[in-house]
Amino acid sequence: MKWGSLFSNSNDRRQQRHELEERERVYHEVLKAHKEWERAHLAFQAAVGKDEVDVAIYTLEAAERRYQIQLKEAKKLEIHLGQHIYPRQTNSQMVRRLGS
């Protein structure tokens, strides 16, 4: 076994670990953004009066946009919600479950 192959395997593992950590981070950000959107939706439903409704609308719109951004990032990394983080699938027929 050559020294070069030992280092390349170490670099590959380090890269895989980094990718997994990034996927986990994005996955949790999507969940967090979804919960934020749910809270904003409840606040909108409970809003009374013009000022409260205005604030609730802005908050809901911001939460929706943040959620969309997080979903887009998750889709780019091929992260499937409703399941744990797992390596990317190469099967092109796999149904993407983002946002469901």
C-alpha atoms as a PDB file:
ATOM      1  CA  MET A   1       0.000   0.000   0.000  1.00  0.00           C
ATOM      2  CA  LYS A   2       1.350   3.415  -0.929  1.00  0.00           C
ATOM      3  CA  TRP A   3       1.432   6.408   1.384  1.00  0.00           C
ATOM      4  CA  GLY A   4      -0.457   8.481  -1.168  1.00  0.00           C
ATOM      5  CA  SER A   5      -3.444   6.145  -1.063  1.00  0.00           C
ATOM      6  CA  LEU A   6      -3.565   6.359   2.749  1.00  0.00           C
ATOM      7  CA  PHE A   7      -3.751  10.133   2.619  1.00  0.00           C
ATOM      8  CA  SER A   8      -6.315  10.175  -0.174  1.00  0.00           C
ATOM      9  CA  ASN A   9      -8.559   7.798   1.802  1.00  0.00           C
ATOM     10  CA  SER A  10      -8.234  10.084   4.812  1.00  0.00           C
ATOM     11  CA  ASN A  11      -9.113  13.095   2.665  1.00  0.00           C
ATOM     12  CA  ASP A  12     -12.085  11.232   1.168  1.00  0.00           C
ATOM     13  CA  ARG A  13     -13.402  10.375   4.623  1.00  0.00           C
ATOM     14  CA  ARG A  14     -12.891  13.945   5.782  1.00  0.00           C
ATOM     15  CA  GLN A  15     -14.769  15.230   2.726  1.00  0.00           C
ATOM     16  CA  GLN A  16     -17.600  12.729   3.254  1.00  0.00           C
ATOM     17  CA  ARG A  17     -17.858  13.729   6.912  1.00  0.00           C
ATOM     18  CA  HIS A  18     -17.955  17.399   5.917  1.00  0.00           C
ATOM     19  CA  GLU A  19     -20.707  16.725   3.348  1.00  0.00           C
ATOM     20  CA  LEU A  20     -22.746  14.761   5.889  1.00  0.00           C
ATOM     21  CA  GLU A  21     -22.418  17.546   8.454  1.00  0.00           C
ATOM     22  CA  GLU A  22     -23.543  20.087   5.851  1.00  0.00           C
ATOM     23  CA  ARG A  23     -26.524  17.932   4.900  1.00  0.00           C
ATOM     24  CA  GLU A  24     -27.484  17.560   8.563  1.00  0.00           C
ATOM     25  CA  ARG A  25     -27.200  21.309   9.086  1.00  0.00           C
ATOM     26  CA  VAL A  26     -29.446  22.057   6.100  1.00  0.00           C
ATOM     27  CA  TYR A  27     -31.933  19.371   7.147  1.00  0.00           C
ATOM     28  CA  HIS A  28     -32.279  20.924  10.607  1.00  0.00           C
ATOM     29  CA  GLU A  29     -32.541  24.414   9.134  1.00  0.00           C
ATOM     30  CA  VAL A  30     -35.467  23.243   6.976  1.00  0.00           C
ATOM     31  CA  LEU A  31     -37.211  21.793  10.025  1.00  0.00           C
ATOM     32  CA  LYS A  32     -36.561  24.973  11.982  1.00  0.00           C
ATOM     33  CA  ALA A  33     -37.886  27.150   9.135  1.00  0.00           C
ATOM     34  CA  HIS A  34     -41.006  24.983   8.886  1.00  0.00           C
ATOM     35  CA  LYS A  35     -41.716  25.350  12.601  1.00  0.00           C
ATOM     36  CA  GLU A  36     -41.192  29.093  12.290  1.00  0.00           C
ATOM     37  CA  TRP A  37     -43.678  29.175   9.409  1.00  0.00           C
ATOM     38  CA  GLU A  38     -46.217  27.196  11.467  1.00  0.00           C
ATOM     39  CA  ARG A  39     -45.875  29.651  14.388  1.00  0.00           C
ATOM     40  CA  ALA A  40     -46.278  32.606  12.028  1.00  0.00           C
ATOM     41  CA  HIS A  41     -49.380  30.995  10.526  1.00  0.00           C
ATOM     42  CA  LEU A  42     -50.903  30.515  13.987  1.00  0.00           C
ATOM     43  CA  ALA A  43     -50.060  34.114  14.901  1.00  0.00           C
ATOM     44  CA  PHE A  44     -51.756  35.294  11.727  1.00  0.00           C
ATOM     45  CA  GLN A  45     -54.885  33.307  12.545  1.00  0.00           C
ATOM     46  CA  ALA A  46     -54.964  34.777  16.050  1.00  0.00           C
ATOM     47  CA  ALA A  47     -54.268  38.374  14.988  1.00  0.00           C
ATOM     48  CA  VAL A  48     -56.845  40.972  15.982  1.00  0.00           C
ATOM     49  CA  GLY A  49     -56.878  44.543  14.770  1.00  0.00           C
ATOM     50  CA  LYS A  50     -55.249  46.180  11.783  1.00  0.00           C
ATOM     51  CA  ASP A  51     -51.766  46.604  13.273  1.00  0.00           C
ATOM     52  CA  GLU A  52     -51.610  43.048  14.576  1.00  0.00           C
ATOM     53  CA  VAL A  53     -52.781  41.685  11.238  1.00  0.00           C
ATOM     54  CA  ASP A  54     -50.183  43.778   9.372  1.00  0.00           C
ATOM     55  CA  VAL A  55     -47.366  42.506  11.591  1.00  0.00           C
ATOM     56  CA  ALA A  56     -48.642  38.932  11.270  1.00  0.00           C
ATOM     57  CA  ILE A  57     -48.726  39.226   7.472  1.00  0.00           C
ATOM     58  CA  TYR A  58     -45.141  40.499   7.293  1.00  0.00           C
ATOM     59  CA  THR A  59     -43.974  37.826   9.707  1.00  0.00           C
ATOM     60  CA  LEU A  60     -45.764  35.094   7.767  1.00  0.00           C
ATOM     61  CA  GLU A  61     -44.374  36.293   4.432  1.00  0.00           C
ATOM     62  CA  ALA A  62     -40.837  36.363   5.860  1.00  0.00           C
ATOM     63  CA  ALA A  63     -41.247  32.880   7.353  1.00  0.00           C
ATOM     64  CA  GLU A  64     -42.593  31.531   4.058  1.00  0.00           C
ATOM     65  CA  ARG A  65     -39.668  33.014   2.138  1.00  0.00           C
ATOM     66  CA  ARG A  66     -37.121  31.610   4.600  1.00  0.00           C
ATOM     67  CA  TYR A  67     -38.763  28.189   4.345  1.00  0.00           C
ATOM     68  CA  GLN A  68     -38.642  28.351   0.538  1.00  0.00           C
ATOM     69  CA  ILE A  69     -34.954  29.252   0.631  1.00  0.00           C
ATOM     70  CA  GLN A  70     -34.177  26.356   2.969  1.00  0.00           C
ATOM     71  CA  LEU A  71     -36.170  23.926   0.815  1.00  0.00           C
ATOM     72  CA  LYS A  72     -34.284  25.092  -2.269  1.00  0.00           C
ATOM     73  CA  GLU A  73     -30.963  24.470  -0.524  1.00  0.00           C
ATOM     74  CA  ALA A  74     -32.128  21.026   0.637  1.00  0.00           C
ATOM     75  CA  LYS A  75     -33.270  20.167  -2.861  1.00  0.00           C
ATOM     76  CA  LYS A  76     -29.889  21.203  -4.260  1.00  0.00           C
ATOM     77  CA  LEU A  77     -28.216  18.776  -1.823  1.00  0.00           C
ATOM     78  CA  GLU A  78     -30.866  16.131  -2.607  1.00  0.00           C
ATOM     79  CA  ILE A  79     -32.017  15.921   0.991  1.00  0.00           C
ATOM     80  CA  HIS A  80     -35.332  14.151   1.429  1.00  0.00           C
ATOM     81  CA  LEU A  81     -37.489  15.301   4.314  1.00  0.00           C
ATOM     82  CA  GLY A  82     -39.408  12.854   6.421  1.00  0.00           C
ATOM     83  CA  GLN A  83     -36.388  10.588   6.604  1.00  0.00           C
ATOM     84  CA  HIS A  84     -33.014  10.787   8.253  1.00  0.00           C
ATOM     85  CA  ILE A  85     -30.065  12.210   6.366  1.00  0.00           C
ATOM     86  CA  TYR A  86     -28.592   9.621   4.063  1.00  0.00           C
ATOM     87  CA  PRO A  87     -26.171   9.603   1.150  1.00  0.00           C
ATOM     88  CA  ARG A  88     -27.390  10.959  -2.148  1.00  0.00           C
ATOM     89  CA  GLN A  89     -29.448   8.624  -4.266  1.00  0.00           C
ATOM     90  CA  THR A  90     -28.397   8.085  -7.847  1.00  0.00           C
ATOM     91  CA  ASN A  91     -31.684   6.560  -8.934  1.00  0.00           C
ATOM     92  CA  SER A  92     -33.275   9.188 -11.181  1.00  0.00           C
ATOM     93  CA  GLN A  93     -36.727   7.687 -10.622  1.00  0.00           C
ATOM     94  CA  MET A  94     -36.701   8.467  -6.900  1.00  0.00           C
ATOM     95  CA  VAL A  95     -39.515  10.812  -5.988  1.00  0.00           C
ATOM     96  CA  ARG A  96     -38.353  13.968  -4.233  1.00  0.00           C
ATOM     97  CA  ARG A  97     -40.337  14.500  -1.048  1.00  0.00           C
ATOM     98  CA  LEU A  98     -39.298  18.044  -0.249  1.00  0.00           C
ATOM     99  CA  GLY A  99     -42.059  20.088   1.223  1.00  0.00           C
ATOM    100  CA  SER A 100     -44.434  17.204   1.749  1.00  0.00           C
END
